[in-house]
Amino acid sequence: MQPLNKIHEPELAGPFPPDLHDVRHLRLKGGLILVWGLVSFGAAYFARDLQSLAAGGWPLGYWIAAQGAVLMFIAIVVAYCWAMNRFERQDAARVAALTVEQGKPHG
């Protein structure tokens, strides 16, 4: 029996580029995770207190627990997309300014 020849494949998962660990990105991610945790657990915790109020024939606690968390999750995704697009535009403008600055002749 012959030993199996190992095929050397490139590593599929390498380290993230440094721009993904920018302070802006980390703060955004941390803030949105905090909002998600507060909405997920806070809404469910306080939903019992809102059972006496009704909206559309159903207790308000039901709507907040069942639908409010989903709507807030969608809002978090939209906020993340908006912020990341903004960060990318800022980074592109910064790179363009550096390129123009480096392209000028000295003197």
N, C-alpha and C. Protein backbone atom coordinates (compact mmCIF):
# COMPACT_ATOMS: atom_id res chain seq x y z
N MET A 1 0.84 -1.17 0.00
CA MET A 1 0.00 0.00 0.00
C MET A 1 0.89 1.24 0.00
N GLN A 2 0.61 2.18 -0.90
CA GLN A 2 1.42 3.38 -1.02
C GLN A 2 0.81 4.51 -0.18
N PRO A 3 1.67 5.36 0.36
CA PRO A 3 1.14 6.49 1.12
C PRO A 3 0.42 7.46 0.19
N LEU A 4 -0.59 8.08 0.73
CA LEU A 4 -1.34 9.06 -0.06
C LEU A 4 -0.50 10.31 -0.28
N ASN A 5 -0.47 10.75 -1.50
CA ASN A 5 0.24 11.99 -1.80
C ASN A 5 -0.66 13.16 -1.43
N LYS A 6 -0.15 14.04 -0.61
CA LYS A 6 -0.92 15.21 -0.21
C LYS A 6 -0.86 16.25 -1.31
N ILE A 7 -1.98 16.76 -1.64
CA ILE A 7 -2.04 17.85 -2.60
C ILE A 7 -1.95 19.14 -1.82
N HIS A 8 -1.00 19.96 -2.17
CA HIS A 8 -0.82 21.23 -1.46
C HIS A 8 -1.74 22.27 -2.07
N GLU A 9 -2.78 22.58 -1.35
CA GLU A 9 -3.72 23.59 -1.80
C GLU A 9 -3.47 24.88 -1.03
N PRO A 10 -3.74 25.99 -1.66
CA PRO A 10 -3.58 27.25 -0.92
C PRO A 10 -4.59 27.32 0.21
N GLU A 11 -4.20 28.02 1.23
CA GLU A 11 -5.08 28.16 2.39
C GLU A 11 -6.33 28.94 1.97
N LEU A 12 -7.48 28.39 2.26
CA LEU A 12 -8.73 29.02 1.84
C LEU A 12 -9.12 30.19 2.72
N ALA A 13 -8.86 30.08 3.97
CA ALA A 13 -9.26 31.14 4.90
C ALA A 13 -8.00 31.79 5.47
N GLY A 14 -7.74 32.98 5.02
CA GLY A 14 -6.58 33.71 5.52
C GLY A 14 -7.04 34.81 6.46
N PRO A 15 -6.12 35.58 6.94
CA PRO A 15 -6.48 36.69 7.83
C PRO A 15 -7.26 37.76 7.07
N PHE A 16 -8.10 38.46 7.79
CA PHE A 16 -8.88 39.53 7.18
C PHE A 16 -7.97 40.69 6.82
N PRO A 17 -8.33 41.42 5.78
CA PRO A 17 -7.56 42.64 5.48
C PRO A 17 -7.68 43.62 6.65
N PRO A 18 -6.68 44.45 6.86
CA PRO A 18 -6.71 45.35 8.02
C PRO A 18 -7.87 46.33 8.01
N ASP A 19 -8.40 46.69 6.84
CA ASP A 19 -9.48 47.66 6.82
C ASP A 19 -10.78 47.10 7.40
N LEU A 20 -10.92 45.79 7.50
CA LEU A 20 -12.11 45.23 8.12
C LEU A 20 -12.07 45.33 9.64
N HIS A 21 -10.90 45.62 10.17
CA HIS A 21 -10.76 45.77 11.62
C HIS A 21 -10.54 47.23 12.00
N ASP A 22 -10.94 48.13 11.14
CA ASP A 22 -10.85 49.55 11.42
C ASP A 22 -11.73 49.87 12.63
N VAL A 23 -11.34 50.88 13.38
CA VAL A 23 -12.09 51.25 14.60
C VAL A 23 -13.53 51.59 14.27
N ARG A 24 -13.73 52.24 13.13
CA ARG A 24 -15.12 52.59 12.74
C ARG A 24 -15.96 51.34 12.57
N HIS A 25 -15.39 50.33 11.92
CA HIS A 25 -16.14 49.10 11.68
C HIS A 25 -16.42 48.36 12.99
N LEU A 26 -15.42 48.32 13.85
CA LEU A 26 -15.61 47.61 15.13
C LEU A 26 -16.65 48.30 16.00
N ARG A 27 -16.63 49.63 16.03
CA ARG A 27 -17.65 50.35 16.80
C ARG A 27 -19.04 50.16 16.23
N LEU A 28 -19.14 50.18 14.91
CA LEU A 28 -20.43 49.96 14.27
C LEU A 28 -20.96 48.57 14.61
N LYS A 29 -20.12 47.57 14.44
CA LYS A 29 -20.55 46.20 14.73
C LYS A 29 -20.92 46.02 16.20
N GLY A 30 -20.11 46.57 17.10
CA GLY A 30 -20.41 46.47 18.53
C GLY A 30 -21.70 47.17 18.89
N GLY A 31 -21.93 48.35 18.34
CA GLY A 31 -23.16 49.08 18.62
C GLY A 31 -24.40 48.37 18.11
N LEU A 32 -24.30 47.83 16.89
CA LEU A 32 -25.46 47.13 16.33
C LEU A 32 -25.73 45.81 17.06
N ILE A 33 -24.69 45.14 17.51
CA ILE A 33 -24.90 43.92 18.30
C ILE A 33 -25.54 44.25 19.63
N LEU A 34 -25.14 45.37 20.22
CA LEU A 34 -25.75 45.81 21.48
C LEU A 34 -27.23 46.12 21.28
N VAL A 35 -27.56 46.84 20.21
CA VAL A 35 -28.96 47.14 19.91
C VAL A 35 -29.74 45.85 19.68
N TRP A 36 -29.17 44.92 18.92
CA TRP A 36 -29.84 43.66 18.66
C TRP A 36 -30.12 42.91 19.97
N GLY A 37 -29.13 42.86 20.86
CA GLY A 37 -29.32 42.16 22.14
C GLY A 37 -30.38 42.83 23.00
N LEU A 38 -30.36 44.16 23.06
CA LEU A 38 -31.37 44.86 23.85
C LEU A 38 -32.77 44.64 23.29
N VAL A 39 -32.90 44.68 21.99
CA VAL A 39 -34.22 44.49 21.39
C VAL A 39 -34.68 43.04 21.56
N SER A 40 -33.78 42.11 21.33
CA SER A 40 -34.17 40.70 21.40
C SER A 40 -34.61 40.30 22.81
N PHE A 41 -33.80 40.67 23.80
CA PHE A 41 -34.12 40.25 25.15
C PHE A 41 -35.00 41.25 25.89
N GLY A 42 -34.80 42.53 25.62
CA GLY A 42 -35.60 43.55 26.29
C GLY A 42 -37.06 43.53 25.88
N ALA A 43 -37.31 43.41 24.58
CA ALA A 43 -38.69 43.38 24.11
C ALA A 43 -39.42 42.16 24.64
N ALA A 44 -38.77 41.04 24.65
CA ALA A 44 -39.41 39.82 25.16
C ALA A 44 -39.66 39.92 26.67
N TYR A 45 -38.75 40.57 27.37
CA TYR A 45 -38.89 40.70 28.82
C TYR A 45 -40.06 41.63 29.19
N PHE A 46 -40.16 42.75 28.50
CA PHE A 46 -41.21 43.72 28.82
C PHE A 46 -42.52 43.46 28.09
N ALA A 47 -42.57 42.47 27.23
CA ALA A 47 -43.81 42.19 26.49
C ALA A 47 -44.93 41.76 27.42
N ARG A 48 -44.63 41.13 28.51
CA ARG A 48 -45.67 40.69 29.45
C ARG A 48 -46.40 41.87 30.08
N ASP A 49 -45.66 42.96 30.32
CA ASP A 49 -46.28 44.13 30.93
C ASP A 49 -47.25 44.83 29.98
N LEU A 50 -47.11 44.59 28.70
CA LEU A 50 -47.96 45.26 27.71
C LEU A 50 -49.15 44.42 27.28
N GLN A 51 -49.42 43.34 27.96
CA GLN A 51 -50.53 42.46 27.58
C GLN A 51 -51.89 43.12 27.78
N SER A 52 -51.97 44.12 28.65
CA SER A 52 -53.26 44.76 28.91
C SER A 52 -53.66 45.68 27.77
N LEU A 53 -52.73 46.16 26.98
CA LEU A 53 -53.03 47.03 25.84
C LEU A 53 -53.26 46.17 24.61
N ALA A 54 -54.20 46.60 23.76
CA ALA A 54 -54.52 45.82 22.56
C ALA A 54 -54.26 46.65 21.31
N ALA A 55 -53.79 45.99 20.28
CA ALA A 55 -53.59 46.62 18.97
C ALA A 55 -54.05 45.64 17.91
N GLY A 56 -55.07 46.02 17.16
CA GLY A 56 -55.59 45.14 16.12
C GLY A 56 -56.24 43.89 16.67
N GLY A 57 -56.77 43.95 17.87
CA GLY A 57 -57.43 42.80 18.46
C GLY A 57 -56.48 41.84 19.16
N TRP A 58 -55.21 42.11 19.12
CA TRP A 58 -54.23 41.26 19.77
C TRP A 58 -53.52 42.07 20.85
N PRO A 59 -53.04 41.41 21.88
CA PRO A 59 -52.29 42.14 22.92
C PRO A 59 -51.04 42.79 22.33
N LEU A 60 -50.74 43.99 22.79
CA LEU A 60 -49.59 44.72 22.29
C LEU A 60 -48.29 43.97 22.56
N GLY A 61 -48.22 43.24 23.64
CA GLY A 61 -47.04 42.44 23.94
C GLY A 61 -46.76 41.41 22.86
N TYR A 62 -47.83 40.85 22.28
CA TYR A 62 -47.67 39.89 21.19
C TYR A 62 -47.00 40.55 19.99
N TRP A 63 -47.48 41.73 19.63
CA TRP A 63 -46.94 42.42 18.46
C TRP A 63 -45.47 42.79 18.66
N ILE A 64 -45.15 43.24 19.84
CA ILE A 64 -43.76 43.64 20.09
C ILE A 64 -42.84 42.43 20.10
N ALA A 65 -43.27 41.38 20.76
CA ALA A 65 -42.42 40.18 20.84
C ALA A 65 -42.32 39.47 19.49
N ALA A 66 -43.43 39.38 18.76
CA ALA A 66 -43.44 38.60 17.53
C ALA A 66 -42.93 39.39 16.33
N GLN A 67 -43.33 40.63 16.21
CA GLN A 67 -43.01 41.39 15.01
C GLN A 67 -41.95 42.47 15.24
N GLY A 68 -41.93 43.05 16.43
CA GLY A 68 -41.01 44.15 16.69
C GLY A 68 -39.55 43.75 16.57
N ALA A 69 -39.21 42.57 17.04
CA ALA A 69 -37.82 42.12 16.95
C ALA A 69 -37.42 41.88 15.50
N VAL A 70 -38.32 41.35 14.69
CA VAL A 70 -38.01 41.11 13.28
C VAL A 70 -37.84 42.44 12.55
N LEU A 71 -38.73 43.38 12.80
CA LEU A 71 -38.61 44.69 12.16
C LEU A 71 -37.33 45.40 12.59
N MET A 72 -36.97 45.28 13.84
CA MET A 72 -35.74 45.91 14.32
C MET A 72 -34.52 45.24 13.70
N PHE A 73 -34.55 43.93 13.52
CA PHE A 73 -33.45 43.24 12.87
C PHE A 73 -33.28 43.74 11.44
N ILE A 74 -34.37 43.92 10.73
CA ILE A 74 -34.30 44.45 9.37
C ILE A 74 -33.73 45.87 9.39
N ALA A 75 -34.14 46.68 10.36
CA ALA A 75 -33.60 48.04 10.50
C ALA A 75 -32.10 48.01 10.78
N ILE A 76 -31.65 47.05 11.59
CA ILE A 76 -30.22 46.93 11.89
C ILE A 76 -29.45 46.57 10.62
N VAL A 77 -29.98 45.68 9.81
CA VAL A 77 -29.31 45.31 8.56
C VAL A 77 -29.24 46.51 7.61
N VAL A 78 -30.32 47.27 7.51
CA VAL A 78 -30.33 48.45 6.66
C VAL A 78 -29.31 49.48 7.17
N ALA A 79 -29.27 49.69 8.48
CA ALA A 79 -28.31 50.64 9.06
C ALA A 79 -26.88 50.19 8.80
N TYR A 80 -26.61 48.89 8.90
CA TYR A 80 -25.28 48.37 8.64
C TYR A 80 -24.88 48.60 7.18
N CYS A 81 -25.80 48.31 6.25
CA CYS A 81 -25.52 48.52 4.83
C CYS A 81 -25.25 49.99 4.53
N TRP A 82 -26.08 50.87 5.08
CA TRP A 82 -25.90 52.30 4.86
C TRP A 82 -24.54 52.76 5.39
N ALA A 83 -24.20 52.35 6.61
CA ALA A 83 -22.94 52.77 7.21
C ALA A 83 -21.74 52.22 6.44
N MET A 84 -21.80 50.97 6.02
CA MET A 84 -20.68 50.40 5.28
C MET A 84 -20.50 51.08 3.93
N ASN A 85 -21.59 51.43 3.25
CA ASN A 85 -21.48 52.18 2.00
C ASN A 85 -20.84 53.54 2.25
N ARG A 86 -21.21 54.17 3.34
CA ARG A 86 -20.63 55.46 3.70
C ARG A 86 -19.13 55.32 3.97
N PHE A 87 -18.75 54.29 4.72
CA PHE A 87 -17.34 54.05 5.00
C PHE A 87 -16.56 53.80 3.71
N GLU A 88 -17.14 53.03 2.80
CA GLU A 88 -16.46 52.74 1.54
C GLU A 88 -16.28 53.99 0.70
N ARG A 89 -17.30 54.87 0.68
CA ARG A 89 -17.16 56.14 -0.05
C ARG A 89 -16.07 57.01 0.57
N GLN A 90 -16.02 57.05 1.90
CA GLN A 90 -14.98 57.83 2.57
C GLN A 90 -13.59 57.28 2.26
N ASP A 91 -13.46 55.97 2.28
CA ASP A 91 -12.17 55.34 1.99
C ASP A 91 -11.76 55.58 0.53
N ALA A 92 -12.73 55.51 -0.39
CA ALA A 92 -12.43 55.75 -1.80
C ALA A 92 -11.99 57.19 -2.01
N ALA A 93 -12.64 58.13 -1.34
CA ALA A 93 -12.26 59.54 -1.45
C ALA A 93 -10.86 59.76 -0.88
N ARG A 94 -10.55 59.09 0.21
CA ARG A 94 -9.22 59.21 0.82
C ARG A 94 -8.15 58.64 -0.10
N VAL A 95 -8.41 57.51 -0.72
CA VAL A 95 -7.44 56.91 -1.64
C VAL A 95 -7.28 57.79 -2.87
N ALA A 96 -8.38 58.34 -3.38
CA ALA A 96 -8.29 59.22 -4.55
C ALA A 96 -7.48 60.47 -4.22
N ALA A 97 -7.68 61.03 -3.03
CA ALA A 97 -6.91 62.21 -2.63
C ALA A 97 -5.42 61.88 -2.51
N LEU A 98 -5.10 60.72 -1.97
CA LEU A 98 -3.69 60.31 -1.87
C LEU A 98 -3.08 60.08 -3.25
N THR A 99 -3.86 59.51 -4.15
CA THR A 99 -3.37 59.25 -5.50
C THR A 99 -3.08 60.55 -6.23
N VAL A 100 -3.99 61.51 -6.11
CA VAL A 100 -3.80 62.80 -6.74
C VAL A 100 -2.59 63.51 -6.12
N GLU A 101 -2.46 63.44 -4.81
CA GLU A 101 -1.37 64.08 -4.12
C GLU A 101 -0.02 63.47 -4.53
N GLN A 102 0.03 62.17 -4.69
CA GLN A 102 1.28 61.50 -5.08
C GLN A 102 1.60 61.70 -6.54
N GLY A 103 0.59 61.98 -7.35
CA GLY A 103 0.79 62.17 -8.78
C GLY A 103 1.32 63.55 -9.15
N LYS A 104 1.25 64.51 -8.24
CA LYS A 104 1.73 65.87 -8.52
C LYS A 104 3.26 65.88 -8.56
N PRO A 105 3.82 66.62 -9.51
CA PRO A 105 5.28 66.72 -9.53
C PRO A 105 5.76 67.60 -8.39
N HIS A 106 6.89 67.24 -7.83
CA HIS A 106 7.46 68.01 -6.71
C HIS A 106 8.24 69.19 -7.26
N GLY A 107 8.13 70.32 -6.61
CA GLY A 107 8.98 71.41 -7.00
C GLY A 107 8.27 72.66 -7.12
